[in-house]
Amino acid sequence: MSILLVTYILGCVTVAVIAFTSDDLPLVGNKAPDFEAEAVFDQELFKVKLSEYIGKKYVVLFFYPLDFTFVCPTEITAFSDRYAEFEKLNTEVLGVSVDSAGIALRGLFIIDKGVIQHSTINNLGIGRSVDETMRTLQALQYIQENPDEVCPAGWKPSEKSMKPDPKLSKEYFSAI
């Protein structure tokens, strides 16, 4: 049974407690485990269910170990400050607090159509880059719209992509 308490903080839904019953690891390419929980949004209680977003929106689901530490609030604020940009990319941001001092890893997942498309895990003392999350989400959306192309290291929407072919990629490499 999944248990989830959610608090609305500056545009991001923040989940206080979560427990998955699935034995599957949340790895890129695997189905994201569904969960349902109560959430607080604008001081009103409502249910949050991951499956309600599947097929409708991308989801950036990030985990953080403690609500009131030094790094976690900076991440929540950073995602919140960019929330309107995520909305323009048809993306919901859900922040999940496992709120246990024994947890030393931070997880972040980008989920589309119920499938984990990207994951990042950081040590407790290392904050995530919202810029990199945004860039990765934009690259994912780009390759889904342009399946015959790939995004090279550090790619941004205004930059050139490349063809995943030894001969065709020469054009990209000759230009850099």
N, C-alpha and C. Protein backbone atom coordinates (compact mmCIF):
# COMPACT_ATOMS: atom_id res chain seq x y z
N MET A 1 0.85 -1.18 0.00
CA MET A 1 0.00 0.00 0.00
C MET A 1 0.89 1.24 0.00
N SER A 2 0.58 2.18 -0.85
CA SER A 2 1.34 3.42 -0.91
C SER A 2 0.75 4.43 0.06
N ILE A 3 1.61 5.08 0.81
CA ILE A 3 1.17 6.13 1.73
C ILE A 3 1.87 7.40 1.31
N LEU A 4 1.13 8.47 1.19
CA LEU A 4 1.71 9.69 0.65
C LEU A 4 1.03 10.90 1.27
N LEU A 5 1.80 11.79 1.84
CA LEU A 5 1.29 13.06 2.32
C LEU A 5 1.95 14.13 1.47
N VAL A 6 1.17 15.05 0.96
CA VAL A 6 1.71 16.01 0.01
C VAL A 6 1.48 17.43 0.51
N THR A 7 2.45 18.29 0.30
CA THR A 7 2.34 19.69 0.65
C THR A 7 2.63 20.52 -0.58
N TYR A 8 1.83 21.53 -0.86
CA TYR A 8 2.08 22.41 -2.00
C TYR A 8 3.08 23.47 -1.56
N ILE A 9 4.19 23.55 -2.27
CA ILE A 9 5.20 24.55 -1.96
C ILE A 9 5.56 25.29 -3.23
N LEU A 10 5.15 26.53 -3.35
CA LEU A 10 5.56 27.43 -4.42
C LEU A 10 5.44 26.84 -5.81
N GLY A 11 4.37 26.11 -6.11
CA GLY A 11 4.17 25.63 -7.47
C GLY A 11 4.51 24.18 -7.69
N CYS A 12 5.25 23.56 -6.78
CA CYS A 12 5.58 22.14 -6.93
C CYS A 12 4.77 21.36 -5.91
N VAL A 13 4.31 20.20 -6.28
CA VAL A 13 3.64 19.32 -5.34
C VAL A 13 4.74 18.56 -4.61
N THR A 14 4.76 18.64 -3.30
CA THR A 14 5.80 18.00 -2.51
C THR A 14 5.18 16.87 -1.71
N VAL A 15 5.71 15.68 -1.87
CA VAL A 15 5.18 14.48 -1.25
C VAL A 15 5.98 14.20 0.01
N ALA A 16 5.30 14.05 1.13
CA ALA A 16 6.01 13.87 2.39
C ALA A 16 6.43 12.43 2.65
N VAL A 17 5.59 11.45 2.33
CA VAL A 17 5.92 10.05 2.58
C VAL A 17 5.44 9.23 1.40
N ILE A 18 6.26 8.31 0.93
CA ILE A 18 5.85 7.46 -0.19
C ILE A 18 6.42 6.07 0.01
N ALA A 19 5.64 5.05 -0.30
CA ALA A 19 6.10 3.67 -0.21
C ALA A 19 5.54 2.91 -1.41
N PHE A 20 6.42 2.35 -2.24
CA PHE A 20 5.99 1.58 -3.39
C PHE A 20 5.92 0.11 -3.01
N THR A 21 4.92 -0.60 -3.51
CA THR A 21 4.81 -2.02 -3.24
C THR A 21 5.48 -2.85 -4.32
N SER A 22 5.88 -2.22 -5.42
CA SER A 22 6.50 -2.92 -6.54
C SER A 22 7.92 -3.32 -6.21
N ASP A 23 8.33 -4.51 -6.67
CA ASP A 23 9.71 -4.96 -6.50
C ASP A 23 10.60 -4.47 -7.63
N ASP A 24 10.01 -3.87 -8.66
CA ASP A 24 10.78 -3.38 -9.80
C ASP A 24 11.59 -2.17 -9.41
N LEU A 25 12.83 -2.14 -9.87
CA LEU A 25 13.66 -0.97 -9.64
C LEU A 25 13.27 0.13 -10.61
N PRO A 26 13.31 1.38 -10.19
CA PRO A 26 12.96 2.48 -11.08
C PRO A 26 14.12 2.82 -12.01
N LEU A 27 14.29 2.03 -13.06
CA LEU A 27 15.38 2.21 -14.01
C LEU A 27 14.85 2.76 -15.32
N VAL A 28 15.71 3.47 -16.05
CA VAL A 28 15.32 4.01 -17.35
C VAL A 28 14.82 2.88 -18.23
N GLY A 29 13.67 3.07 -18.86
CA GLY A 29 13.07 2.06 -19.72
C GLY A 29 12.04 1.20 -19.02
N ASN A 30 12.05 1.17 -17.68
CA ASN A 30 11.06 0.41 -16.93
C ASN A 30 9.81 1.25 -16.70
N LYS A 31 8.70 0.56 -16.46
CA LYS A 31 7.46 1.24 -16.13
C LYS A 31 7.62 1.91 -14.77
N ALA A 32 7.15 3.14 -14.68
CA ALA A 32 7.19 3.85 -13.40
C ALA A 32 6.12 3.27 -12.48
N PRO A 33 6.47 2.96 -11.23
CA PRO A 33 5.46 2.42 -10.32
C PRO A 33 4.41 3.48 -9.98
N ASP A 34 3.16 3.10 -10.08
CA ASP A 34 2.07 4.02 -9.79
C ASP A 34 1.96 4.22 -8.28
N PHE A 35 1.49 5.36 -7.87
CA PHE A 35 1.18 5.61 -6.47
C PHE A 35 0.00 6.56 -6.39
N GLU A 36 -0.68 6.50 -5.28
CA GLU A 36 -1.79 7.41 -5.01
C GLU A 36 -1.62 7.92 -3.59
N ALA A 37 -1.94 9.20 -3.39
CA ALA A 37 -1.77 9.77 -2.07
C ALA A 37 -2.59 11.03 -1.93
N GLU A 38 -2.72 11.47 -0.70
CA GLU A 38 -3.37 12.74 -0.45
C GLU A 38 -2.33 13.84 -0.61
N ALA A 39 -2.79 14.96 -1.15
CA ALA A 39 -1.90 16.10 -1.36
C ALA A 39 -2.58 17.36 -0.83
N VAL A 40 -1.76 18.35 -0.56
CA VAL A 40 -2.28 19.66 -0.18
C VAL A 40 -1.89 20.63 -1.28
N PHE A 41 -2.89 21.32 -1.81
CA PHE A 41 -2.67 22.30 -2.87
C PHE A 41 -3.54 23.51 -2.54
N ASP A 42 -2.94 24.69 -2.43
CA ASP A 42 -3.69 25.89 -2.03
C ASP A 42 -4.49 25.65 -0.76
N GLN A 43 -3.87 24.97 0.18
CA GLN A 43 -4.45 24.66 1.49
C GLN A 43 -5.71 23.81 1.41
N GLU A 44 -5.88 23.07 0.31
CA GLU A 44 -7.00 22.13 0.13
C GLU A 44 -6.44 20.73 -0.07
N LEU A 45 -7.08 19.72 0.53
CA LEU A 45 -6.67 18.33 0.35
C LEU A 45 -7.25 17.77 -0.94
N PHE A 46 -6.46 16.98 -1.64
CA PHE A 46 -6.92 16.26 -2.83
C PHE A 46 -6.02 15.05 -3.04
N LYS A 47 -6.44 14.15 -3.93
CA LYS A 47 -5.67 12.94 -4.23
C LYS A 47 -4.72 13.19 -5.39
N VAL A 48 -3.53 12.65 -5.28
CA VAL A 48 -2.55 12.67 -6.36
C VAL A 48 -2.31 11.22 -6.75
N LYS A 49 -2.38 10.93 -8.04
CA LYS A 49 -2.12 9.59 -8.54
C LYS A 49 -1.26 9.73 -9.79
N LEU A 50 -0.10 9.10 -9.79
CA LEU A 50 0.81 9.22 -10.92
C LEU A 50 0.13 8.83 -12.23
N SER A 51 -0.67 7.78 -12.21
CA SER A 51 -1.31 7.29 -13.44
C SER A 51 -2.25 8.33 -14.06
N GLU A 52 -2.71 9.32 -13.29
CA GLU A 52 -3.57 10.36 -13.85
C GLU A 52 -2.82 11.27 -14.83
N TYR A 53 -1.50 11.29 -14.74
CA TYR A 53 -0.69 12.12 -15.64
C TYR A 53 -0.24 11.34 -16.87
N ILE A 54 -0.26 10.01 -16.80
CA ILE A 54 0.28 9.17 -17.86
C ILE A 54 -0.50 9.41 -19.15
N GLY A 55 0.22 9.68 -20.23
CA GLY A 55 -0.39 9.94 -21.52
C GLY A 55 -0.91 11.36 -21.69
N LYS A 56 -0.90 12.14 -20.61
CA LYS A 56 -1.38 13.52 -20.67
C LYS A 56 -0.24 14.52 -20.50
N LYS A 57 0.70 14.20 -19.61
CA LYS A 57 1.79 15.10 -19.30
C LYS A 57 3.06 14.31 -19.06
N TYR A 58 4.18 15.00 -19.23
CA TYR A 58 5.44 14.47 -18.72
C TYR A 58 5.43 14.71 -17.22
N VAL A 59 6.21 13.93 -16.50
CA VAL A 59 6.32 14.13 -15.05
C VAL A 59 7.80 14.17 -14.68
N VAL A 60 8.20 15.22 -13.98
CA VAL A 60 9.51 15.25 -13.33
C VAL A 60 9.22 14.91 -11.88
N LEU A 61 9.68 13.74 -11.45
CA LEU A 61 9.44 13.23 -10.11
C LEU A 61 10.78 13.22 -9.39
N PHE A 62 10.98 14.16 -8.46
CA PHE A 62 12.27 14.19 -7.77
C PHE A 62 12.09 13.88 -6.29
N PHE A 63 13.04 13.12 -5.77
CA PHE A 63 13.04 12.70 -4.38
C PHE A 63 14.09 13.48 -3.61
N TYR A 64 13.77 13.81 -2.39
CA TYR A 64 14.78 14.43 -1.53
C TYR A 64 14.62 13.85 -0.13
N PRO A 65 15.73 13.74 0.63
CA PRO A 65 15.71 12.97 1.87
C PRO A 65 15.11 13.67 3.08
N LEU A 66 15.18 14.97 3.17
CA LEU A 66 14.68 15.65 4.36
C LEU A 66 14.04 16.98 3.99
N ASP A 67 12.92 17.29 4.63
CA ASP A 67 12.22 18.53 4.31
C ASP A 67 12.95 19.78 4.77
N PHE A 68 13.54 19.74 5.93
CA PHE A 68 14.09 20.96 6.51
C PHE A 68 15.60 20.85 6.71
N THR A 69 16.31 20.66 5.62
CA THR A 69 17.77 20.62 5.66
C THR A 69 18.28 21.83 4.88
N PHE A 70 19.54 21.81 4.54
CA PHE A 70 20.11 22.96 3.85
C PHE A 70 19.92 22.89 2.34
N VAL A 71 20.16 21.74 1.72
CA VAL A 71 20.12 21.62 0.27
C VAL A 71 18.68 21.45 -0.24
N CYS A 72 17.88 20.64 0.43
CA CYS A 72 16.52 20.32 -0.06
C CYS A 72 15.66 21.56 -0.35
N PRO A 73 15.58 22.52 0.58
CA PRO A 73 14.76 23.69 0.27
C PRO A 73 15.26 24.48 -0.94
N THR A 74 16.58 24.47 -1.18
CA THR A 74 17.10 25.18 -2.35
C THR A 74 16.64 24.50 -3.63
N GLU A 75 16.56 23.16 -3.62
CA GLU A 75 16.09 22.43 -4.80
C GLU A 75 14.61 22.68 -5.03
N ILE A 76 13.82 22.61 -3.96
CA ILE A 76 12.38 22.84 -4.09
C ILE A 76 12.13 24.24 -4.64
N THR A 77 12.84 25.22 -4.11
CA THR A 77 12.69 26.59 -4.58
C THR A 77 13.13 26.73 -6.03
N ALA A 78 14.24 26.06 -6.40
CA ALA A 78 14.74 26.15 -7.78
C ALA A 78 13.73 25.57 -8.77
N PHE A 79 13.14 24.41 -8.44
CA PHE A 79 12.11 23.83 -9.31
C PHE A 79 10.88 24.73 -9.34
N SER A 80 10.51 25.26 -8.19
CA SER A 80 9.34 26.13 -8.11
C SER A 80 9.52 27.39 -8.96
N ASP A 81 10.71 27.97 -8.90
CA ASP A 81 10.98 29.19 -9.67
C ASP A 81 10.84 28.95 -11.17
N ARG A 82 11.04 27.72 -11.62
CA ARG A 82 10.98 27.40 -13.05
C ARG A 82 9.69 26.67 -13.43
N TYR A 83 8.75 26.58 -12.49
CA TYR A 83 7.54 25.79 -12.69
C TYR A 83 6.77 26.20 -13.95
N ALA A 84 6.66 27.50 -14.21
CA ALA A 84 5.92 27.97 -15.40
C ALA A 84 6.58 27.45 -16.68
N GLU A 85 7.90 27.35 -16.68
CA GLU A 85 8.61 26.82 -17.86
C GLU A 85 8.29 25.35 -18.06
N PHE A 86 8.22 24.59 -16.94
CA PHE A 86 7.85 23.18 -17.04
C PHE A 86 6.41 23.05 -17.54
N GLU A 87 5.52 23.92 -17.07
CA GLU A 87 4.13 23.89 -17.54
C GLU A 87 4.06 24.10 -19.05
N LYS A 88 4.87 25.00 -19.58
CA LYS A 88 4.89 25.25 -21.03
C LYS A 88 5.35 24.02 -21.80
N LEU A 89 6.10 23.14 -21.14
CA LEU A 89 6.55 21.90 -21.76
C LEU A 89 5.62 20.73 -21.43
N ASN A 90 4.39 21.05 -20.98
CA ASN A 90 3.38 20.04 -20.65
C ASN A 90 3.92 19.05 -19.62
N THR A 91 4.52 19.59 -18.56
CA THR A 91 5.19 18.76 -17.55
C THR A 91 4.74 19.15 -16.15
N GLU A 92 4.42 18.14 -15.35
CA GLU A 92 4.10 18.34 -13.94
C GLU A 92 5.34 18.02 -13.11
N VAL A 93 5.61 18.81 -12.09
CA VAL A 93 6.75 18.59 -11.20
C VAL A 93 6.21 18.10 -9.87
N LEU A 94 6.65 16.91 -9.45
CA LEU A 94 6.26 16.35 -8.16
C LEU A 94 7.52 16.14 -7.33
N GLY A 95 7.58 16.77 -6.17
CA GLY A 95 8.71 16.59 -5.27
C GLY A 95 8.32 15.65 -4.15
N VAL A 96 9.12 14.62 -3.93
CA VAL A 96 8.80 13.58 -2.95
C VAL A 96 9.85 13.58 -1.84
N SER A 97 9.40 13.79 -0.62
CA SER A 97 10.31 13.72 0.52
C SER A 97 10.16 12.37 1.20
N VAL A 98 11.27 11.67 1.32
CA VAL A 98 11.24 10.41 2.06
C VAL A 98 11.46 10.67 3.54
N ASP A 99 11.88 11.87 3.86
CA ASP A 99 12.00 12.38 5.22
C ASP A 99 12.58 11.40 6.22
N SER A 100 13.71 10.83 5.89
CA SER A 100 14.40 9.92 6.79
C SER A 100 15.88 10.27 6.79
N ALA A 101 16.44 10.49 7.98
CA ALA A 101 17.86 10.88 8.08
C ALA A 101 18.79 9.80 7.56
N GLY A 102 18.33 8.56 7.45
CA GLY A 102 19.18 7.47 6.98
C GLY A 102 19.33 7.40 5.48
N ILE A 103 18.58 8.18 4.74
CA ILE A 103 18.64 8.14 3.28
C ILE A 103 19.76 9.06 2.81
N ALA A 104 20.69 8.51 2.03
CA ALA A 104 21.84 9.31 1.58
C ALA A 104 21.82 9.57 0.08
N LEU A 105 20.77 9.19 -0.61
CA LEU A 105 20.71 9.38 -2.05
C LEU A 105 19.53 10.25 -2.43
N ARG A 106 19.69 11.00 -3.49
CA ARG A 106 18.62 11.83 -4.03
C ARG A 106 18.29 11.29 -5.41
N GLY A 107 17.02 11.05 -5.68
CA GLY A 107 16.62 10.54 -6.99
C GLY A 107 15.77 11.55 -7.73
N LEU A 108 15.93 11.58 -9.06
CA LEU A 108 15.10 12.41 -9.93
C LEU A 108 14.77 11.57 -11.14
N PHE A 109 13.50 11.58 -11.55
CA PHE A 109 13.05 10.78 -12.68
C PHE A 109 12.25 11.65 -13.63
N ILE A 110 12.45 11.48 -14.94
CA ILE A 110 11.58 12.07 -15.95
C ILE A 110 10.79 10.91 -16.53
N ILE A 111 9.45 11.03 -16.45
CA ILE A 111 8.55 9.94 -16.83
C ILE A 111 7.65 10.42 -17.96
N ASP A 112 7.53 9.61 -19.01
CA ASP A 112 6.61 9.90 -20.10
C ASP A 112 5.84 8.63 -20.44
N LYS A 113 4.54 8.74 -20.54
CA LYS A 113 3.66 7.62 -20.86
C LYS A 113 3.89 6.44 -19.92
N GLY A 114 4.20 6.76 -18.66
CA GLY A 114 4.38 5.73 -17.65
C GLY A 114 5.73 5.05 -17.66
N VAL A 115 6.64 5.48 -18.54
CA VAL A 115 7.96 4.86 -18.66
C VAL A 115 9.02 5.85 -18.19
N ILE A 116 9.93 5.36 -17.36
CA ILE A 116 11.03 6.19 -16.90
C ILE A 116 11.96 6.44 -18.08
N GLN A 117 12.14 7.70 -18.43
CA GLN A 117 12.98 8.08 -19.57
C GLN A 117 14.36 8.57 -19.14
N HIS A 118 14.48 9.01 -17.89
CA HIS A 118 15.74 9.55 -17.38
C HIS A 118 15.73 9.43 -15.87
N SER A 119 16.89 9.14 -15.29
CA SER A 119 17.00 9.17 -13.83
C SER A 119 18.38 9.69 -13.44
N THR A 120 18.41 10.37 -12.30
CA THR A 120 19.63 10.89 -11.72
C THR A 120 19.58 10.62 -10.23
N ILE A 121 20.69 10.16 -9.66
CA ILE A 121 20.77 9.94 -8.22
C ILE A 121 22.00 10.66 -7.71
N ASN A 122 21.81 11.52 -6.72
CA ASN A 122 22.91 12.28 -6.14
C ASN A 122 23.12 11.93 -4.68
N ASN A 123 24.31 12.17 -4.19
CA ASN A 123 24.62 12.06 -2.78
C ASN A 123 23.85 13.14 -2.01
N LEU A 124 23.63 12.92 -0.73
CA LEU A 124 22.85 13.82 0.12
C LEU A 124 23.31 15.27 0.04
N GLY A 125 24.60 15.51 -0.04
CA GLY A 125 25.11 16.88 -0.01
C GLY A 125 25.19 17.57 -1.35
N ILE A 126 24.70 16.95 -2.42
CA ILE A 126 24.82 17.52 -3.76
C ILE A 126 23.43 17.86 -4.31
N GLY A 127 23.20 19.12 -4.57
CA GLY A 127 21.93 19.56 -5.14
C GLY A 127 21.88 19.32 -6.63
N ARG A 128 20.68 19.24 -7.16
CA ARG A 128 20.49 19.02 -8.60
C ARG A 128 20.40 20.33 -9.35
N SER A 129 20.64 20.25 -10.64
CA SER A 129 20.53 21.42 -11.51
C SER A 129 19.18 21.39 -12.23
N VAL A 130 18.35 22.37 -11.95
CA VAL A 130 17.08 22.48 -12.64
C VAL A 130 17.33 22.77 -14.12
N ASP A 131 18.40 23.53 -14.41
CA ASP A 131 18.76 23.79 -15.81
C ASP A 131 19.00 22.48 -16.55
N GLU A 132 19.74 21.56 -15.93
CA GLU A 132 20.03 20.27 -16.58
C GLU A 132 18.77 19.43 -16.71
N THR A 133 17.89 19.47 -15.71
CA THR A 133 16.62 18.75 -15.81
C THR A 133 15.80 19.30 -16.97
N MET A 134 15.74 20.62 -17.09
CA MET A 134 14.99 21.25 -18.18
C MET A 134 15.61 20.87 -19.53
N ARG A 135 16.95 20.92 -19.63
CA ARG A 135 17.64 20.58 -20.87
C ARG A 135 17.37 19.12 -21.26
N THR A 136 17.44 18.22 -20.29
CA THR A 136 17.20 16.81 -20.55
C THR A 136 15.76 16.58 -21.01
N LEU A 137 14.81 17.23 -20.36
CA LEU A 137 13.40 17.12 -20.75
C LEU A 137 13.20 17.63 -22.18
N GLN A 138 13.82 18.76 -22.51
CA GLN A 138 13.70 19.31 -23.87
C GLN A 138 14.34 18.38 -24.89
N ALA A 139 15.47 17.77 -24.54
CA ALA A 139 16.13 16.82 -25.45
C ALA A 139 15.25 15.59 -25.66
N LEU A 140 14.65 15.09 -24.59
CA LEU A 140 13.75 13.94 -24.69
C LEU A 140 12.59 14.27 -25.63
N GLN A 141 11.97 15.41 -25.42
CA GLN A 141 10.85 15.80 -26.28
C GLN A 141 11.30 15.98 -27.72
N TYR A 142 12.50 16.51 -27.92
CA TYR A 142 13.01 16.71 -29.28
C TYR A 142 13.21 15.38 -30.00
N ILE A 143 13.84 14.40 -29.34
CA ILE A 143 14.09 13.12 -30.02
C ILE A 143 12.80 12.33 -30.23
N GLN A 144 11.80 12.57 -29.39
CA GLN A 144 10.51 11.92 -29.63
C GLN A 144 9.83 12.52 -30.86
N GLU A 145 10.00 13.81 -31.08
CA GLU A 145 9.43 14.48 -32.26
C GLU A 145 10.29 14.26 -33.50
N ASN A 146 11.56 13.94 -33.32
CA ASN A 146 12.52 13.74 -34.41
C ASN A 146 13.26 12.42 -34.19
N PRO A 147 12.58 11.28 -34.37
CA PRO A 147 13.16 9.99 -34.00
C PRO A 147 14.39 9.58 -34.80
N ASP A 148 14.68 10.26 -35.89
CA ASP A 148 15.86 9.93 -36.69
C ASP A 148 17.08 10.77 -36.29
N GLU A 149 16.97 11.50 -35.17
CA GLU A 149 18.07 12.34 -34.69
C GLU A 149 18.38 12.02 -33.23
N VAL A 150 19.59 12.41 -32.80
CA VAL A 150 20.00 12.29 -31.40
C VAL A 150 20.55 13.63 -30.95
N CYS A 151 20.59 13.83 -29.64
CA CYS A 151 21.08 15.08 -29.07
C CYS A 151 22.46 14.84 -28.46
N PRO A 152 23.48 15.52 -28.98
CA PRO A 152 24.84 15.34 -28.45
C PRO A 152 24.99 15.96 -27.05
N ALA A 153 26.14 15.74 -26.46
CA ALA A 153 26.43 16.25 -25.11
C ALA A 153 26.16 17.75 -25.02
N GLY A 154 25.45 18.14 -23.97
CA GLY A 154 25.18 19.55 -23.73
C GLY A 154 24.19 20.19 -24.68
N TRP A 155 23.51 19.39 -25.52
CA TRP A 155 22.58 19.92 -26.52
C TRP A 155 21.52 20.80 -25.86
N LYS A 156 21.17 21.89 -26.56
CA LYS A 156 20.08 22.77 -26.16
C LYS A 156 19.19 22.99 -27.38
N PRO A 157 17.92 23.36 -27.17
CA PRO A 157 16.98 23.48 -28.29
C PRO A 157 17.45 24.36 -29.45
N SER A 158 18.25 25.34 -29.20
CA SER A 158 18.70 26.22 -30.28
C SER A 158 19.91 25.66 -31.04
N GLU A 159 20.41 24.50 -30.59
CA GLU A 159 21.62 23.94 -31.18
C GLU A 159 21.31 22.79 -32.13
N LYS A 160 22.31 22.42 -32.89
CA LYS A 160 22.19 21.38 -33.91
C LYS A 160 22.20 19.99 -33.26
N SER A 161 21.31 19.14 -33.76
CA SER A 161 21.32 17.73 -33.36
C SER A 161 22.14 16.96 -34.39
N MET A 162 22.16 15.63 -34.26
CA MET A 162 22.92 14.86 -35.24
C MET A 162 22.20 13.58 -35.59
N LYS A 163 22.58 12.98 -36.69
CA LYS A 163 22.02 11.70 -37.15
C LYS A 163 22.84 10.58 -36.52
N PRO A 164 22.18 9.54 -35.99
CA PRO A 164 22.92 8.44 -35.36
C PRO A 164 23.45 7.44 -36.40
N ASP A 165 24.30 7.93 -37.26
CA ASP A 165 24.84 7.13 -38.34
C ASP A 165 26.29 7.55 -38.54
N PRO A 166 27.23 6.60 -38.68
CA PRO A 166 28.65 6.97 -38.82
C PRO A 166 28.92 7.95 -39.96
N LYS A 167 28.29 7.76 -41.09
CA LYS A 167 28.54 8.65 -42.23
C LYS A 167 27.82 9.99 -42.06
N LEU A 168 26.54 9.92 -41.65
CA LEU A 168 25.76 11.15 -41.51
C LEU A 168 26.23 12.01 -40.34
N SER A 169 26.82 11.41 -39.32
CA SER A 169 27.29 12.18 -38.17
C SER A 169 28.52 13.02 -38.50
N LYS A 170 29.19 12.71 -39.61
CA LYS A 170 30.37 13.49 -40.01
C LYS A 170 30.00 14.96 -40.21
N GLU A 171 28.80 15.21 -40.71
CA GLU A 171 28.34 16.59 -40.91
C GLU A 171 28.35 17.35 -39.59
N TYR A 172 27.85 16.71 -38.53
CA TYR A 172 27.83 17.34 -37.21
C TYR A 172 29.25 17.58 -36.71
N PHE A 173 30.07 16.53 -36.76
CA PHE A 173 31.43 16.64 -36.21
C PHE A 173 32.31 17.60 -37.01
N SER A 174 32.08 17.73 -38.29
CA SER A 174 32.89 18.66 -39.09
C SER A 174 32.53 20.12 -38.78
N ALA A 175 31.34 20.34 -38.21
CA ALA A 175 30.90 21.70 -37.91
C ALA A 175 31.32 22.16 -36.51
N ILE A 176 31.76 21.23 -35.67
CA ILE A 176 32.13 21.65 -34.30
C ILE A 176 33.62 21.85 -34.15
